[in-house]
């Protein structure tokens, strides 16, 4: 299949497919780094880099194109936080009676004191 060949070469590395009413590119393809030629690429122009399958968008101006890889731009603001409810904290539950630990066993008798030996002899 030969394709539709919408692209027109503007250099050895860049082809343009679609332009706007000011004749600035809206869709283009390139090999290598996208060109930054002034007065050529509209703001929002999509550039497809065919040598590494990367898609760019002109986030600069027509005079100074800035190519931003799609999917890596700044993240927008986070929306408002939703309603969280009435905010009651539940009552502490009943813990049960006593939380007993096991009873201590009976005391045994103390054994007899052992023999301490004779007191030393002094003069």
PDB file of N, CA and C in Angstrom:
ATOM      1  N   UNK A   1       0.844  -1.176   0.000  1.00  0.00           N
ATOM      2  CA  UNK A   1       0.000   0.000   0.000  1.00  0.00           C
ATOM      3  C   UNK A   1       0.891   1.242   0.000  1.00  0.00           C
ATOM      4  N   UNK A   2       0.572   2.173  -0.810  1.00  0.00           N
ATOM      5  CA  UNK A   2       1.393   3.367  -0.969  1.00  0.00           C
ATOM      6  C   UNK A   2       1.069   4.451   0.040  1.00  0.00           C
ATOM      7  N   UNK A   3      -0.099   4.443   0.685  1.00  0.00           N
ATOM      8  CA  UNK A   3      -0.470   5.494   1.634  1.00  0.00           C
ATOM      9  C   UNK A   3      -1.058   6.702   0.933  1.00  0.00           C
ATOM     10  N   UNK A   4      -1.556   7.636   1.708  1.00  0.00           N
ATOM     11  CA  UNK A   4      -2.210   8.820   1.140  1.00  0.00           C
ATOM     12  C   UNK A   4      -1.240   9.963   0.911  1.00  0.00           C
ATOM     13  N   UNK A   5      -0.073   9.939   1.578  1.00  0.00           N
ATOM     14  CA  UNK A   5       0.969  10.936   1.411  1.00  0.00           C
ATOM     15  C   UNK A   5       0.470  12.368   1.571  1.00  0.00           C
ATOM     16  N   UNK A   6      -0.128  12.662   2.732  1.00  0.00           N
ATOM     17  CA  UNK A   6      -0.556  14.020   3.035  1.00  0.00           C
ATOM     18  C   UNK A   6       0.631  14.929   3.349  1.00  0.00           C
ATOM     19  N   UNK A   7       1.777  14.352   3.670  1.00  0.00           N
ATOM     20  CA  UNK A   7       2.917  15.132   4.159  1.00  0.00           C
ATOM     21  C   UNK A   7       3.694  15.793   3.034  1.00  0.00           C
ATOM     22  N   UNK A   8       4.136  17.035   3.307  1.00  0.00           N
ATOM     23  CA  UNK A   8       4.975  17.786   2.384  1.00  0.00           C
ATOM     24  C   UNK A   8       6.263  18.126   3.120  1.00  0.00           C
ATOM     25  N   UNK A   9       7.388  17.809   2.520  1.00  0.00           N
ATOM     26  CA  UNK A   9       8.685  18.056   3.154  1.00  0.00           C
ATOM     27  C   UNK A   9       8.966  19.558   3.244  1.00  0.00           C
ATOM     28  N   UNK A  10       9.428  20.015   4.437  1.00  0.00           N
ATOM     29  CA  UNK A  10       9.889  21.392   4.580  1.00  0.00           C
ATOM     30  C   UNK A  10      11.394  21.411   4.855  1.00  0.00           C
ATOM     31  N   UNK A  11      11.956  20.224   5.146  1.00  0.00           N
ATOM     32  CA  UNK A  11      13.396  20.065   5.321  1.00  0.00           C
ATOM     33  C   UNK A  11      13.697  18.578   5.136  1.00  0.00           C
ATOM     34  N   UNK A  12      14.951  18.207   5.317  1.00  0.00           N
ATOM     35  CA  UNK A  12      15.308  16.794   5.161  1.00  0.00           C
ATOM     36  C   UNK A  12      14.845  15.957   6.358  1.00  0.00           C
ATOM     37  N   UNK A  13      14.452  16.621   7.459  1.00  0.00           N
ATOM     38  CA  UNK A  13      14.036  15.881   8.655  1.00  0.00           C
ATOM     39  C   UNK A  13      12.608  16.176   9.101  1.00  0.00           C
ATOM     40  N   UNK A  14      11.876  17.044   8.397  1.00  0.00           N
ATOM     41  CA  UNK A  14      10.538  17.424   8.850  1.00  0.00           C
ATOM     42  C   UNK A  14       9.570  17.559   7.678  1.00  0.00           C
ATOM     43  N   UNK A  15       8.371  16.985   7.867  1.00  0.00           N
ATOM     44  CA  UNK A  15       7.286  17.072   6.889  1.00  0.00           C
ATOM     45  C   UNK A  15       6.041  17.599   7.590  1.00  0.00           C
ATOM     46  N   UNK A  16       5.246  18.401   6.881  1.00  0.00           N
ATOM     47  CA  UNK A  16       4.006  18.949   7.422  1.00  0.00           C
ATOM     48  C   UNK A  16       2.826  18.334   6.682  1.00  0.00           C
ATOM     49  N   UNK A  17       1.783  17.943   7.441  1.00  0.00           N
ATOM     50  CA  UNK A  17       0.588  17.353   6.830  1.00  0.00           C
ATOM     51  C   UNK A  17      -0.563  18.351   6.769  1.00  0.00           C
ATOM     52  N   UNK A  18      -0.833  19.046   7.876  1.00  0.00           N
ATOM     53  CA  UNK A  18      -1.967  19.958   7.935  1.00  0.00           C
ATOM     54  C   UNK A  18      -1.515  21.323   8.418  1.00  0.00           C
ATOM     55  N   UNK A  19      -2.124  22.377   7.877  1.00  0.00           N
ATOM     56  CA  UNK A  19      -1.839  23.747   8.325  1.00  0.00           C
ATOM     57  C   UNK A  19      -3.145  24.449   8.678  1.00  0.00           C
ATOM     58  N   UNK A  20      -3.030  25.543   9.433  1.00  0.00           N
ATOM     59  CA  UNK A  20      -4.203  26.342   9.777  1.00  0.00           C
ATOM     60  C   UNK A  20      -4.370  27.477   8.783  1.00  0.00           C
ATOM     61  N   UNK A  21      -5.304  28.392   9.081  1.00  0.00           N
ATOM     62  CA  UNK A  21      -5.582  29.509   8.171  1.00  0.00           C
ATOM     63  C   UNK A  21      -4.405  30.468   8.020  1.00  0.00           C
ATOM     64  N   UNK A  22      -3.480  30.474   8.985  1.00  0.00           N
ATOM     65  CA  UNK A  22      -2.285  31.321   8.893  1.00  0.00           C
ATOM     66  C   UNK A  22      -1.124  30.564   8.230  1.00  0.00           C
ATOM     67  N   UNK A  23      -1.392  29.365   7.723  1.00  0.00           N
ATOM     68  CA  UNK A  23      -0.408  28.511   7.052  1.00  0.00           C
ATOM     69  C   UNK A  23       0.687  28.015   8.016  1.00  0.00           C
ATOM     70  N   UNK A  24       0.344  27.912   9.309  1.00  0.00           N
ATOM     71  CA  UNK A  24       1.251  27.322  10.294  1.00  0.00           C
ATOM     72  C   UNK A  24       0.851  25.862  10.503  1.00  0.00           C
ATOM     73  N   UNK A  25       1.827  25.014  10.685  1.00  0.00           N
ATOM     74  CA  UNK A  25       1.575  23.578  10.807  1.00  0.00           C
ATOM     75  C   UNK A  25       0.747  23.252  12.032  1.00  0.00           C
ATOM     76  N   UNK A  26      -0.223  22.365  11.868  1.00  0.00           N
ATOM     77  CA  UNK A  26      -1.022  21.820  12.966  1.00  0.00           C
ATOM     78  C   UNK A  26      -0.665  20.357  13.215  1.00  0.00           C
ATOM     79  N   UNK A  27      -0.162  19.658  12.170  1.00  0.00           N
ATOM     80  CA  UNK A  27       0.268  18.262  12.273  1.00  0.00           C
ATOM     81  C   UNK A  27       1.513  18.096  11.419  1.00  0.00           C
ATOM     82  N   UNK A  28       2.556  17.553  12.053  1.00  0.00           N
ATOM     83  CA  UNK A  28       3.814  17.368  11.332  1.00  0.00           C
ATOM     84  C   UNK A  28       4.501  16.101  11.841  1.00  0.00           C
ATOM     85  N   UNK A  29       5.525  15.667  11.111  1.00  0.00           N
ATOM     86  CA  UNK A  29       6.349  14.538  11.542  1.00  0.00           C
ATOM     87  C   UNK A  29       7.802  14.889  11.299  1.00  0.00           C
ATOM     88  N   UNK A  30       8.682  14.266  12.110  1.00  0.00           N
ATOM     89  CA  UNK A  30      10.103  14.538  11.959  1.00  0.00           C
ATOM     90  C   UNK A  30      10.909  13.314  12.355  1.00  0.00           C
ATOM     91  N   UNK A  31      12.178  13.354  12.018  1.00  0.00           N
ATOM     92  CA  UNK A  31      13.155  12.412  12.558  1.00  0.00           C
ATOM     93  C   UNK A  31      14.150  13.262  13.329  1.00  0.00           C
ATOM     94  N   UNK A  32      14.598  12.753  14.472  1.00  0.00           N
ATOM     95  CA  UNK A  32      15.483  13.545  15.319  1.00  0.00           C
ATOM     96  C   UNK A  32      14.697  14.575  16.103  1.00  0.00           C
ATOM     97  N   UNK A  33      15.401  15.524  16.668  1.00  0.00           N
ATOM     98  CA  UNK A  33      14.803  16.561  17.506  1.00  0.00           C
ATOM     99  C   UNK A  33      13.870  17.429  16.659  1.00  0.00           C
ATOM    100  N   UNK A  34      12.652  17.719  17.160  1.00  0.00           N
ATOM    101  CA  UNK A  34      11.735  18.564  16.390  1.00  0.00           C
ATOM    102  C   UNK A  34      12.333  19.951  16.144  1.00  0.00           C
ATOM    103  N   UNK A  35      12.139  20.490  14.938  1.00  0.00           N
ATOM    104  CA  UNK A  35      12.714  21.805  14.622  1.00  0.00           C
ATOM    105  C   UNK A  35      11.997  22.930  15.364  1.00  0.00           C
ATOM    106  N   UNK A  36      12.708  24.017  15.575  1.00  0.00           N
ATOM    107  CA  UNK A  36      12.144  25.193  16.249  1.00  0.00           C
ATOM    108  C   UNK A  36      12.123  26.399  15.308  1.00  0.00           C
ATOM    109  N   UNK A  37      11.862  26.138  14.061  1.00  0.00           N
ATOM    110  CA  UNK A  37      11.809  27.190  13.045  1.00  0.00           C
ATOM    111  C   UNK A  37      10.673  28.166  13.356  1.00  0.00           C
ATOM    112  N   UNK A  38      10.989  29.469  13.401  1.00  0.00           N
ATOM    113  CA  UNK A  38       9.983  30.489  13.694  1.00  0.00           C
ATOM    114  C   UNK A  38       8.966  30.584  12.570  1.00  0.00           C
ATOM    115  N   UNK A  39       7.735  30.965  12.927  1.00  0.00           N
ATOM    116  CA  UNK A  39       6.640  31.206  11.982  1.00  0.00           C
ATOM    117  C   UNK A  39       6.323  29.983  11.135  1.00  0.00           C
ATOM    118  N   UNK A  40       6.460  28.774  11.713  1.00  0.00           N
ATOM    119  CA  UNK A  40       6.192  27.543  10.969  1.00  0.00           C
ATOM    120  C   UNK A  40       5.173  26.655  11.671  1.00  0.00           C
ATOM    121  N   UNK A  41       5.217  26.579  13.007  1.00  0.00           N
ATOM    122  CA  UNK A  41       4.384  25.635  13.759  1.00  0.00           C
ATOM    123  C   UNK A  41       3.408  26.400  14.657  1.00  0.00           C
ATOM    124  N   UNK A  42       2.120  26.111  14.513  1.00  0.00           N
ATOM    125  CA  UNK A  42       1.090  26.760  15.321  1.00  0.00           C
ATOM    126  C   UNK A  42       1.202  26.312  16.770  1.00  0.00           C
ATOM    127  N   UNK A  43       0.710  27.155  17.674  1.00  0.00           N
ATOM    128  CA  UNK A  43       0.609  26.749  19.074  1.00  0.00           C
ATOM    129  C   UNK A  43      -0.353  25.564  19.118  1.00  0.00           C
ATOM    130  N   UNK A  44       0.063  24.485  19.764  1.00  0.00           N
ATOM    131  CA  UNK A  44      -0.741  23.263  19.825  1.00  0.00           C
ATOM    132  C   UNK A  44      -0.426  22.267  18.726  1.00  0.00           C
ATOM    133  N   UNK A  45       0.473  22.621  17.809  1.00  0.00           N
ATOM    134  CA  UNK A  45       0.842  21.711  16.723  1.00  0.00           C
ATOM    135  C   UNK A  45       1.305  20.371  17.292  1.00  0.00           C
ATOM    136  N   UNK A  46       0.881  19.299  16.683  1.00  0.00           N
ATOM    137  CA  UNK A  46       1.299  17.953  17.074  1.00  0.00           C
ATOM    138  C   UNK A  46       2.439  17.528  16.150  1.00  0.00           C
ATOM    139  N   UNK A  47       3.545  17.110  16.763  1.00  0.00           N
ATOM    140  CA  UNK A  47       4.717  16.636  16.007  1.00  0.00           C
ATOM    141  C   UNK A  47       4.938  15.171  16.376  1.00  0.00           C
ATOM    142  N   UNK A  48       4.990  14.320  15.376  1.00  0.00           N
ATOM    143  CA  UNK A  48       5.247  12.898  15.589  1.00  0.00           C
ATOM    144  C   UNK A  48       6.682  12.619  15.181  1.00  0.00           C
ATOM    145  N   UNK A  49       7.454  12.174  16.136  1.00  0.00           N
ATOM    146  CA  UNK A  49       8.858  11.834  15.853  1.00  0.00           C
ATOM    147  C   UNK A  49       8.886  10.364  15.447  1.00  0.00           C
ATOM    148  N   UNK A  50       9.188  10.108  14.185  1.00  0.00           N
ATOM    149  CA  UNK A  50       9.058   8.757  13.637  1.00  0.00           C
ATOM    150  C   UNK A  50      10.243   7.842  13.933  1.00  0.00           C
ATOM    151  N   UNK A  51      11.358   8.395  14.394  1.00  0.00           N
ATOM    152  CA  UNK A  51      12.507   7.529  14.674  1.00  0.00           C
ATOM    153  C   UNK A  51      12.472   6.936  16.081  1.00  0.00           C
ATOM    154  N   UNK A  52      11.604   7.433  16.967  1.00  0.00           N
ATOM    155  CA  UNK A  52      11.502   6.830  18.297  1.00  0.00           C
ATOM    156  C   UNK A  52      10.070   6.817  18.844  1.00  0.00           C
ATOM    157  N   UNK A  53       9.089   7.041  17.974  1.00  0.00           N
ATOM    158  CA  UNK A  53       7.661   6.958  18.329  1.00  0.00           C
ATOM    159  C   UNK A  53       7.278   7.883  19.485  1.00  0.00           C
ATOM    160  N   UNK A  54       7.792   9.109  19.491  1.00  0.00           N
ATOM    161  CA  UNK A  54       7.459  10.094  20.514  1.00  0.00           C
ATOM    162  C   UNK A  54       6.541  11.136  19.894  1.00  0.00           C
ATOM    163  N   UNK A  55       5.556  11.577  20.666  1.00  0.00           N
ATOM    164  CA  UNK A  55       4.638  12.601  20.191  1.00  0.00           C
ATOM    165  C   UNK A  55       4.836  13.871  21.000  1.00  0.00           C
ATOM    166  N   UNK A  56       4.993  14.986  20.317  1.00  0.00           N
ATOM    167  CA  UNK A  56       5.230  16.285  20.937  1.00  0.00           C
ATOM    168  C   UNK A  56       4.075  17.223  20.640  1.00  0.00           C
ATOM    169  N   UNK A  57       3.985  18.293  21.448  1.00  0.00           N
ATOM    170  CA  UNK A  57       3.036  19.359  21.183  1.00  0.00           C
ATOM    171  C   UNK A  57       3.752  20.686  21.388  1.00  0.00           C
ATOM    172  N   UNK A  58       3.484  21.649  20.504  1.00  0.00           N
ATOM    173  CA  UNK A  58       4.093  22.968  20.637  1.00  0.00           C
ATOM    174  C   UNK A  58       3.385  23.714  21.762  1.00  0.00           C
ATOM    175  N   UNK A  59       4.083  23.880  22.887  1.00  0.00           N
ATOM    176  CA  UNK A  59       3.533  24.612  24.029  1.00  0.00           C
ATOM    177  C   UNK A  59       4.137  26.012  24.123  1.00  0.00           C
ATOM    178  N   UNK A  60       4.922  26.360  23.135  1.00  0.00           N
ATOM    179  CA  UNK A  60       5.525  27.694  23.083  1.00  0.00           C
ATOM    180  C   UNK A  60       4.652  28.629  22.264  1.00  0.00           C
ATOM    181  N   UNK A  61       5.265  29.332  21.350  1.00  0.00           N
ATOM    182  CA  UNK A  61       4.541  30.264  20.481  1.00  0.00           C
ATOM    183  C   UNK A  61       4.874  29.929  19.035  1.00  0.00           C
ATOM    184  N   UNK A  62       4.223  30.635  18.113  1.00  0.00           N
ATOM    185  CA  UNK A  62       4.557  30.462  16.699  1.00  0.00           C
ATOM    186  C   UNK A  62       5.979  30.958  16.453  1.00  0.00           C
ATOM    187  N   UNK A  63       6.357  32.046  17.125  1.00  0.00           N
ATOM    188  CA  UNK A  63       7.698  32.614  16.937  1.00  0.00           C
ATOM    189  C   UNK A  63       8.785  31.743  17.564  1.00  0.00           C
ATOM    190  N   UNK A  64       8.480  31.126  18.709  1.00  0.00           N
ATOM    191  CA  UNK A  64       9.466  30.300  19.416  1.00  0.00           C
ATOM    192  C   UNK A  64       8.783  28.993  19.853  1.00  0.00           C
ATOM    193  N   UNK A  65       8.762  27.990  18.980  1.00  0.00           N
ATOM    194  CA  UNK A  65       8.143  26.714  19.350  1.00  0.00           C
ATOM    195  C   UNK A  65       8.901  26.032  20.497  1.00  0.00           C
ATOM    196  N   UNK A  66       8.154  25.492  21.437  1.00  0.00           N
ATOM    197  CA  UNK A  66       8.712  24.698  22.532  1.00  0.00           C
ATOM    198  C   UNK A  66       8.004  23.350  22.459  1.00  0.00           C
ATOM    199  N   UNK A  67       8.771  22.309  22.229  1.00  0.00           N
ATOM    200  CA  UNK A  67       8.179  20.983  22.044  1.00  0.00           C
ATOM    201  C   UNK A  67       8.148  20.232  23.376  1.00  0.00           C
ATOM    202  N   UNK A  68       6.944  19.938  23.839  1.00  0.00           N
ATOM    203  CA  UNK A  68       6.734  19.203  25.085  1.00  0.00           C
ATOM    204  C   UNK A  68       6.227  17.816  24.725  1.00  0.00           C
ATOM    205  N   UNK A  69       6.874  16.803  25.288  1.00  0.00           N
ATOM    206  CA  UNK A  69       6.419  15.433  25.026  1.00  0.00           C
ATOM    207  C   UNK A  69       5.033  15.277  25.623  1.00  0.00           C
ATOM    208  N   UNK A  70       4.096  14.786  24.835  1.00  0.00           N
ATOM    209  CA  UNK A  70       2.738  14.582  25.345  1.00  0.00           C
ATOM    210  C   UNK A  70       2.760  13.567  26.476  1.00  0.00           C
ATOM    211  N   UNK A  71       2.020  13.867  27.527  1.00  0.00           N
ATOM    212  CA  UNK A  71       1.963  12.998  28.691  1.00  0.00           C
ATOM    213  C   UNK A  71       2.927  13.415  29.782  1.00  0.00           C
ATOM    214  N   UNK A  72       3.752  14.455  29.554  1.00  0.00           N
ATOM    215  CA  UNK A  72       4.694  14.883  30.584  1.00  0.00           C
ATOM    216  C   UNK A  72       4.484  16.333  30.990  1.00  0.00           C
ATOM    217  N   UNK A  73       3.390  16.932  30.565  1.00  0.00           N
ATOM    218  CA  UNK A  73       3.146  18.327  30.905  1.00  0.00           C
ATOM    219  C   UNK A  73       2.776  18.488  32.367  1.00  0.00           C
ATOM    220  N   UNK A  74       2.572  19.709  32.768  1.00  0.00           N
ATOM    221  CA  UNK A  74       2.214  20.005  34.152  1.00  0.00           C
ATOM    222  C   UNK A  74       0.843  19.419  34.469  1.00  0.00           C
ATOM    223  N   UNK A  75       0.656  18.993  35.687  1.00  0.00           N
ATOM    224  CA  UNK A  75      -0.614  18.449  36.132  1.00  0.00           C
ATOM    225  C   UNK A  75      -1.500  19.605  36.555  1.00  0.00           C
ATOM    226  N   UNK A  76      -2.754  19.551  36.181  1.00  0.00           N
ATOM    227  CA  UNK A  76      -3.694  20.608  36.526  1.00  0.00           C
ATOM    228  C   UNK A  76      -4.044  20.592  38.003  1.00  0.00           C
ATOM    229  N   UNK A  77      -4.796  21.585  38.442  1.00  0.00           N
ATOM    230  CA  UNK A  77      -5.147  21.674  39.862  1.00  0.00           C
ATOM    231  C   UNK A  77      -6.076  20.537  40.272  1.00  0.00           C
ATOM    232  N   UNK A  78      -5.994  20.176  41.523  1.00  0.00           N
ATOM    233  CA  UNK A  78      -6.866  19.144  42.080  1.00  0.00           C
ATOM    234  C   UNK A  78      -8.222  19.758  42.353  1.00  0.00           C
ATOM    235  N   UNK A  79      -9.256  19.016  42.107  1.00  0.00           N
ATOM    236  CA  UNK A  79     -10.612  19.498  42.334  1.00  0.00           C
ATOM    237  C   UNK A  79     -10.913  19.654  43.818  1.00  0.00           C
ATOM    238  N   UNK A  80     -12.070  20.242  44.093  1.00  0.00           N
ATOM    239  CA  UNK A  80     -12.489  20.469  45.478  1.00  0.00           C
ATOM    240  C   UNK A  80     -12.691  19.138  46.189  1.00  0.00           C
ATOM    241  N   UNK A  81     -12.432  19.131  47.482  1.00  0.00           N
ATOM    242  CA  UNK A  81     -12.642  17.940  48.288  1.00  0.00           C
ATOM    243  C   UNK A  81     -14.129  17.750  48.509  1.00  0.00           C
ATOM    244  N   UNK A  82     -14.593  16.547  48.376  1.00  0.00           N
ATOM    245  CA  UNK A  82     -16.005  16.245  48.543  1.00  0.00           C
ATOM    246  C   UNK A  82     -16.434  16.272  50.000  1.00  0.00           C
ATOM    247  N   UNK A  83     -17.753  16.196  50.225  1.00  0.00           N
ATOM    248  CA  UNK A  83     -18.355  16.218  51.558  1.00  0.00           C
ATOM    249  C   UNK A  83     -17.874  15.004  52.338  1.00  0.00           C
ATOM    250  N   UNK A  84     -17.502  15.208  53.588  1.00  0.00           N
ATOM    251  CA  UNK A  84     -16.955  14.106  54.382  1.00  0.00           C
ATOM    252  C   UNK A  84     -17.944  13.542  55.381  1.00  0.00           C
ATOM    253  N   UNK A  85     -19.126  14.045  55.497  1.00  0.00           N
ATOM    254  CA  UNK A  85     -20.103  13.500  56.434  1.00  0.00           C
ATOM    255  C   UNK A  85     -20.169  14.335  57.700  1.00  0.00           C
ATOM    256  N   UNK A  86     -20.907  13.823  58.708  1.00  0.00           N
ATOM    257  CA  UNK A  86     -21.172  14.577  59.921  1.00  0.00           C
ATOM    258  C   UNK A  86     -20.012  14.618  60.893  1.00  0.00           C
ATOM    259  N   UNK A  87     -19.073  13.745  60.790  1.00  0.00           N
ATOM    260  CA  UNK A  87     -17.881  13.833  61.609  1.00  0.00           C
ATOM    261  C   UNK A  87     -17.988  13.281  63.005  1.00  0.00           C
ATOM    262  N   UNK A  88     -18.993  12.451  63.313  1.00  0.00           N
ATOM    263  CA  UNK A  88     -19.088  11.871  64.651  1.00  0.00           C
ATOM    264  C   UNK A  88     -18.045  10.794  64.840  1.00  0.00           C
ATOM    265  N   UNK A  89     -17.531  10.733  66.051  1.00  0.00           N
ATOM    266  CA  UNK A  89     -16.653   9.632  66.419  1.00  0.00           C
ATOM    267  C   UNK A  89     -17.492   8.690  67.253  1.00  0.00           C
ATOM    268  N   UNK A  90     -17.458   7.427  66.977  1.00  0.00           N
ATOM    269  CA  UNK A  90     -18.264   6.450  67.705  1.00  0.00           C
ATOM    270  C   UNK A  90     -17.834   6.339  69.154  1.00  0.00           C
ATOM    271  N   UNK A  91     -18.775   5.937  70.021  1.00  0.00           N
ATOM    272  CA  UNK A  91     -18.467   5.738  71.435  1.00  0.00           C
ATOM    273  C   UNK A  91     -17.569   4.523  71.587  1.00  0.00           C
ATOM    274  N   UNK A  92     -16.756   4.526  72.618  1.00  0.00           N
ATOM    275  CA  UNK A  92     -15.889   3.386  72.878  1.00  0.00           C
ATOM    276  C   UNK A  92     -16.750   2.218  73.320  1.00  0.00           C
ATOM    277  N   UNK A  93     -16.478   1.088  72.792  1.00  0.00           N
ATOM    278  CA  UNK A  93     -17.273  -0.097  73.105  1.00  0.00           C
ATOM    279  C   UNK A  93     -16.991  -0.632  74.506  1.00  0.00           C
ATOM    280  N   UNK A  94     -17.917  -1.433  75.009  1.00  0.00           N
ATOM    281  CA  UNK A  94     -17.818  -2.059  76.330  1.00  0.00           C
ATOM    282  C   UNK A  94     -16.663  -3.050  76.308  1.00  0.00           C
ATOM    283  N   UNK A  95     -15.842  -3.023  77.355  1.00  0.00           N
ATOM    284  CA  UNK A  95     -14.663  -3.881  77.360  1.00  0.00           C
ATOM    285  C   UNK A  95     -14.873  -5.196  78.072  1.00  0.00           C
ATOM    286  N   UNK A  96     -15.990  -5.398  78.695  1.00  0.00           N
ATOM    287  CA  UNK A  96     -16.246  -6.673  79.373  1.00  0.00           C
ATOM    288  C   UNK A  96     -15.881  -6.566  80.843  1.00  0.00           C
ATOM    289  N   UNK A  97     -16.309  -7.575  81.611  1.00  0.00           N
ATOM    290  CA  UNK A  97     -16.126  -7.550  83.068  1.00  0.00           C
ATOM    291  C   UNK A  97     -14.705  -7.931  83.428  1.00  0.00           C
ATOM    292  N   UNK A  98     -14.055  -7.096  84.201  1.00  0.00           N
ATOM    293  CA  UNK A  98     -12.861  -7.450  84.935  1.00  0.00           C
ATOM    294  C   UNK A  98     -11.555  -7.592  84.221  1.00  0.00           C
ATOM    295  N   UNK A  99     -11.527  -8.118  83.053  1.00  0.00           N
ATOM    296  CA  UNK A  99     -10.268  -8.430  82.386  1.00  0.00           C
ATOM    297  C   UNK A  99      -9.317  -9.131  83.351  1.00  0.00           C
ATOM    298  N   UNK A 100      -9.789 -10.233  83.917  1.00  0.00           N
ATOM    299  CA  UNK A 100      -9.050 -10.953  84.945  1.00  0.00           C
ATOM    300  C   UNK A 100      -7.820 -11.638  84.386  1.00  0.00           C
ATOM    301  N   UNK A 101      -6.819 -11.713  85.262  1.00  0.00           N
ATOM    302  CA  UNK A 101      -5.668 -12.545  84.949  1.00  0.00           C
ATOM    303  C   UNK A 101      -5.752 -13.749  85.869  1.00  0.00           C
ATOM    304  N   UNK A 102      -4.999 -14.745  85.603  1.00  0.00           N
ATOM    305  CA  UNK A 102      -5.062 -15.971  86.422  1.00  0.00           C
ATOM    306  C   UNK A 102      -4.682 -15.697  87.870  1.00  0.00           C
ATOM    307  N   UNK A 103      -5.244 -16.521  88.810  1.00  0.00           N
ATOM    308  CA  UNK A 103      -4.963 -16.352  90.236  1.00  0.00           C
ATOM    309  C   UNK A 103      -3.544 -16.825  90.542  1.00  0.00           C
ATOM    310  N   UNK A 104      -2.937 -16.196  91.535  1.00  0.00           N
ATOM    311  CA  UNK A 104      -1.607 -16.601  91.974  1.00  0.00           C
ATOM    312  C   UNK A 104      -1.730 -17.879  92.789  1.00  0.00           C
ATOM    313  N   UNK A 105      -0.815 -18.800  92.616  1.00  0.00           N
ATOM    314  CA  UNK A 105      -0.861 -20.079  93.343  1.00  0.00           C
ATOM    315  C   UNK A 105      -0.581 -19.874  94.829  1.00  0.00           C
ATOM    316  N   UNK A 106      -0.836 -20.935  95.669  1.00  0.00           N
ATOM    317  CA  UNK A 106      -0.635 -20.821  97.109  1.00  0.00           C
ATOM    318  C   UNK A 106       0.829 -20.649  97.443  1.00  0.00           C
ATOM    319  N   UNK A 107       1.090 -19.955  98.575  1.00  0.00           N
ATOM    320  CA  UNK A 107       2.464 -19.764  99.023  1.00  0.00           C
ATOM    321  C   UNK A 107       2.971 -21.061  99.618  1.00  0.00           C
ATOM    322  N   UNK A 108       4.168 -21.444  99.290  1.00  0.00           N
ATOM    323  CA  UNK A 108       4.777 -22.618  99.905  1.00  0.00           C
ATOM    324  C   UNK A 108       5.573 -22.190 101.129  1.00  0.00           C
ATOM    325  N   UNK A 109       5.937 -23.146 101.957  1.00  0.00           N
ATOM    326  CA  UNK A 109       6.732 -22.807 103.134  1.00  0.00           C
ATOM    327  C   UNK A 109       8.156 -22.518 102.718  1.00  0.00           C
ATOM    328  N   UNK A 110       8.812 -21.676 103.486  1.00  0.00           N
ATOM    329  CA  UNK A 110      10.201 -21.349 103.225  1.00  0.00           C
ATOM    330  C   UNK A 110      11.052 -22.458 103.799  1.00  0.00           C
ATOM    331  N   UNK A 111      12.045 -22.901 103.102  1.00  0.00           N
ATOM    332  CA  UNK A 111      12.901 -23.994 103.570  1.00  0.00           C
ATOM    333  C   UNK A 111      13.760 -23.564 104.761  1.00  0.00           C
ATOM    334  N   UNK A 112      14.314 -24.557 105.445  1.00  0.00           N
ATOM    335  CA  UNK A 112      15.171 -24.283 106.604  1.00  0.00           C
ATOM    336  C   UNK A 112      16.418 -23.552 106.169  1.00  0.00           C
ATOM    337  N   UNK A 113      16.930 -22.700 107.065  1.00  0.00           N
ATOM    338  CA  UNK A 113      18.161 -21.979 106.784  1.00  0.00           C
ATOM    339  C   UNK A 113      19.312 -22.958 106.877  1.00  0.00           C
ATOM    340  N   UNK A 114      20.210 -22.898 105.985  1.00  0.00           N
ATOM    341  CA  UNK A 114      21.345 -23.836 105.964  1.00  0.00           C
ATOM    342  C   UNK A 114      22.373 -23.501 107.065  1.00  0.00           C
ATOM    343  N   UNK A 115      23.257 -24.419 107.367  1.00  0.00           N
ATOM    344  CA  UNK A 115      24.325 -24.272 108.365  1.00  0.00           C
ATOM    345  C   UNK A 115      25.318 -23.231 107.898  1.00  0.00           C
ATOM    346  N   UNK A 116      25.660 -22.284 108.750  1.00  0.00           N
ATOM    347  CA  UNK A 116      26.558 -21.217 108.350  1.00  0.00           C
ATOM    348  C   UNK A 116      27.985 -21.474 108.768  1.00  0.00           C
ATOM    349  N   UNK A 117      28.255 -22.439 109.579  1.00  0.00           N
ATOM    350  CA  UNK A 117      29.615 -22.758 109.988  1.00  0.00           C
ATOM    351  C   UNK A 117      29.996 -22.037 111.284  1.00  0.00           C
ATOM    352  N   UNK A 118      31.095 -22.422 111.853  1.00  0.00           N
ATOM    353  CA  UNK A 118      31.539 -21.862 113.118  1.00  0.00           C
ATOM    354  C   UNK A 118      32.069 -20.457 112.904  1.00  0.00           C
ATOM    355  N   UNK A 119      31.938 -19.667 113.929  1.00  0.00           N
ATOM    356  CA  UNK A 119      32.468 -18.318 113.903  1.00  0.00           C
ATOM    357  C   UNK A 119      33.975 -18.431 114.023  1.00  0.00           C
ATOM    358  N   UNK A 120      34.677 -17.616 113.355  1.00  0.00           N
ATOM    359  CA  UNK A 120      36.148 -17.673 113.402  1.00  0.00           C
ATOM    360  C   UNK A 120      36.688 -17.376 114.792  1.00  0.00           C
ATOM    361  N   UNK A 121      37.767 -18.008 115.174  1.00  0.00           N
ATOM    362  CA  UNK A 121      38.421 -17.856 116.494  1.00  0.00           C
ATOM    363  C   UNK A 121      39.331 -16.670 116.469  1.00  0.00           C
ATOM    364  N   UNK A 122      39.196 -15.796 117.481  1.00  0.00           N
ATOM    365  CA  UNK A 122      40.080 -14.636 117.568  1.00  0.00           C
ATOM    366  C   UNK A 122      40.838 -14.680 118.880  1.00  0.00           C
ATOM    367  N   UNK A 123      42.018 -14.160 118.996  1.00  0.00           N
ATOM    368  CA  UNK A 123      42.828 -14.076 120.221  1.00  0.00           C
ATOM    369  C   UNK A 123      42.573 -12.811 120.929  1.00  0.00           C
TER     370      UNK A 123
END
